[in-house]
Amino acid sequence: MIDFQKKVYQIVKKIPRGKPLTYKQVAVRLGNSFLARAVGNVLNKNRDKNIPCHRVVRSDGRLGGYNRGTNIKALLLRREGVKIKY
């Protein structure tokens, strides 16, 4: 695993239940707001259930992708009390 991936996972692990961040917010925490797409690419490859990638959404409030399917992402977020925008 490369350092960039590790940094993304460390940030995402700290996202509290019900308080999603955007891909851009994660990128800003990495030090560069232009890395939002790279954050999405890293999270798309994640298979570790201990890293809550479902808590990262698009800046326009929509879900964005999820490697286990957007229906599962929506379900997980709703369970955490997040209102979903379609």
C-alpha atoms as a PDB file:
ATOM      1  CA  MET A   1       0.000   0.000   0.000  1.00  0.00           C
ATOM      2  CA  ILE A   2       1.366   3.398  -0.898  1.00  0.00           C
ATOM      3  CA  ASP A   3       1.577   6.336   1.512  1.00  0.00           C
ATOM      4  CA  PHE A   4      -1.234   8.238  -0.220  1.00  0.00           C
ATOM      5  CA  GLN A   5      -3.632   5.327   0.269  1.00  0.00           C
ATOM      6  CA  LYS A   6      -2.650   5.009   3.917  1.00  0.00           C
ATOM      7  CA  LYS A   7      -3.253   8.719   4.496  1.00  0.00           C
ATOM      8  CA  VAL A   8      -6.688   8.550   2.851  1.00  0.00           C
ATOM      9  CA  TYR A   9      -7.652   5.520   4.951  1.00  0.00           C
ATOM     10  CA  GLN A  10      -6.420   7.184   8.162  1.00  0.00           C
ATOM     11  CA  ILE A  11      -8.630  10.216   7.514  1.00  0.00           C
ATOM     12  CA  VAL A  12     -11.675   8.161   6.527  1.00  0.00           C
ATOM     13  CA  LYS A  13     -11.343   5.921   9.604  1.00  0.00           C
ATOM     14  CA  LYS A  14     -11.838   9.027  11.770  1.00  0.00           C
ATOM     15  CA  ILE A  15     -15.113  10.132  10.158  1.00  0.00           C
ATOM     16  CA  PRO A  16     -17.794   9.809  12.860  1.00  0.00           C
ATOM     17  CA  ARG A  17     -21.074   7.969  12.284  1.00  0.00           C
ATOM     18  CA  GLY A  18     -23.694  10.189  10.695  1.00  0.00           C
ATOM     19  CA  LYS A  19     -21.178  12.924   9.783  1.00  0.00           C
ATOM     20  CA  PRO A  20     -20.106  12.252   6.185  1.00  0.00           C
ATOM     21  CA  LEU A  21     -17.356  14.224   4.493  1.00  0.00           C
ATOM     22  CA  THR A  22     -17.076  15.038   0.817  1.00  0.00           C
ATOM     23  CA  TYR A  23     -14.279  13.723  -1.357  1.00  0.00           C
ATOM     24  CA  LYS A  24     -13.001  17.298  -1.502  1.00  0.00           C
ATOM     25  CA  GLN A  25     -13.033  17.648   2.298  1.00  0.00           C
ATOM     26  CA  VAL A  26     -10.930  14.503   2.572  1.00  0.00           C
ATOM     27  CA  ALA A  27      -8.591  15.901  -0.093  1.00  0.00           C
ATOM     28  CA  VAL A  28      -8.274  19.190   1.814  1.00  0.00           C
ATOM     29  CA  ARG A  29      -7.316  17.241   4.939  1.00  0.00           C
ATOM     30  CA  LEU A  30      -4.619  15.612   2.814  1.00  0.00           C
ATOM     31  CA  GLY A  31      -3.360  19.098   1.956  1.00  0.00           C
ATOM     32  CA  ASN A  32      -4.619  19.496  -1.632  1.00  0.00           C
ATOM     33  CA  SER A  33      -8.256  20.079  -2.612  1.00  0.00           C
ATOM     34  CA  PHE A  34      -7.471  18.994  -6.178  1.00  0.00           C
ATOM     35  CA  LEU A  35      -6.964  15.391  -5.015  1.00  0.00           C
ATOM     36  CA  ALA A  36     -10.697  14.703  -4.617  1.00  0.00           C
ATOM     37  CA  ARG A  37     -10.831  12.376  -7.631  1.00  0.00           C
ATOM     38  CA  ALA A  38      -7.741  10.519  -6.412  1.00  0.00           C
ATOM     39  CA  VAL A  39      -9.454  10.061  -3.030  1.00  0.00           C
ATOM     40  CA  GLY A  40     -12.417   8.481  -4.826  1.00  0.00           C
ATOM     41  CA  ASN A  41     -10.117   6.153  -6.746  1.00  0.00           C
ATOM     42  CA  VAL A  42      -8.435   4.988  -3.556  1.00  0.00           C
ATOM     43  CA  LEU A  43     -11.738   4.387  -1.785  1.00  0.00           C
ATOM     44  CA  ASN A  44     -13.116   2.467  -4.752  1.00  0.00           C
ATOM     45  CA  LYS A  45     -10.358  -0.112  -4.250  1.00  0.00           C
ATOM     46  CA  ASN A  46     -10.885  -0.491  -0.505  1.00  0.00           C
ATOM     47  CA  ARG A  47     -12.037  -3.917   0.711  1.00  0.00           C
ATOM     48  CA  ASP A  48     -11.457  -3.349   4.443  1.00  0.00           C
ATOM     49  CA  LYS A  49     -14.792  -3.071   6.270  1.00  0.00           C
ATOM     50  CA  ASN A  50     -13.036  -1.176   9.093  1.00  0.00           C
ATOM     51  CA  ILE A  51     -12.595   1.794   6.748  1.00  0.00           C
ATOM     52  CA  PRO A  52     -16.038   3.419   6.415  1.00  0.00           C
ATOM     53  CA  CYS A  53     -15.807   4.633   2.802  1.00  0.00           C
ATOM     54  CA  HIS A  54     -19.578   4.947   2.696  1.00  0.00           C
ATOM     55  CA  ARG A  55     -19.155   8.108   4.779  1.00  0.00           C
ATOM     56  CA  VAL A  56     -17.558   9.977   1.857  1.00  0.00           C
ATOM     57  CA  VAL A  57     -20.024  11.641  -0.519  1.00  0.00           C
ATOM     58  CA  ARG A  58     -20.040  14.082  -3.408  1.00  0.00           C
ATOM     59  CA  SER A  59     -19.857  17.849  -2.864  1.00  0.00           C
ATOM     60  CA  ASP A  60     -23.325  18.305  -4.394  1.00  0.00           C
ATOM     61  CA  GLY A  61     -24.810  16.129  -1.644  1.00  0.00           C
ATOM     62  CA  ARG A  62     -25.391  13.068  -3.812  1.00  0.00           C
ATOM     63  CA  LEU A  63     -23.973   9.705  -2.848  1.00  0.00           C
ATOM     64  CA  GLY A  64     -21.209   9.167  -5.349  1.00  0.00           C
ATOM     65  CA  GLY A  65     -19.873   5.687  -5.985  1.00  0.00           C
ATOM     66  CA  TYR A  66     -19.309   2.793  -3.641  1.00  0.00           C
ATOM     67  CA  ASN A  67     -17.551  -0.480  -4.361  1.00  0.00           C
ATOM     68  CA  ARG A  68     -20.348  -2.509  -2.762  1.00  0.00           C
ATOM     69  CA  GLY A  69     -23.068  -0.625  -4.682  1.00  0.00           C
ATOM     70  CA  THR A  70     -24.820   2.678  -4.123  1.00  0.00           C
ATOM     71  CA  ASN A  71     -27.890   0.987  -2.637  1.00  0.00           C
ATOM     72  CA  ILE A  72     -25.732  -0.427   0.171  1.00  0.00           C
ATOM     73  CA  LYS A  73     -24.061   2.976   0.641  1.00  0.00           C
ATOM     74  CA  ALA A  74     -27.473   4.647   0.953  1.00  0.00           C
ATOM     75  CA  LEU A  75     -28.641   1.988   3.427  1.00  0.00           C
ATOM     76  CA  LEU A  76     -25.547   2.380   5.609  1.00  0.00           C
ATOM     77  CA  LEU A  77     -25.829   6.175   5.645  1.00  0.00           C
ATOM     78  CA  ARG A  78     -29.561   6.093   6.429  1.00  0.00           C
ATOM     79  CA  ARG A  79     -28.840   3.762   9.365  1.00  0.00           C
ATOM     80  CA  GLU A  80     -26.486   6.458  10.651  1.00  0.00           C
ATOM     81  CA  GLY A  81     -29.192   9.118  10.359  1.00  0.00           C
ATOM     82  CA  VAL A  82     -27.946  10.805   7.185  1.00  0.00           C
ATOM     83  CA  LYS A  83     -30.561  12.169   4.788  1.00  0.00           C
ATOM     84  CA  ILE A  84     -29.916  10.959   1.266  1.00  0.00           C
ATOM     85  CA  LYS A  85     -30.203  13.226  -1.785  1.00  0.00           C
ATOM     86  CA  TYR A  86     -30.916  11.479  -5.082  1.00  0.00           C
END
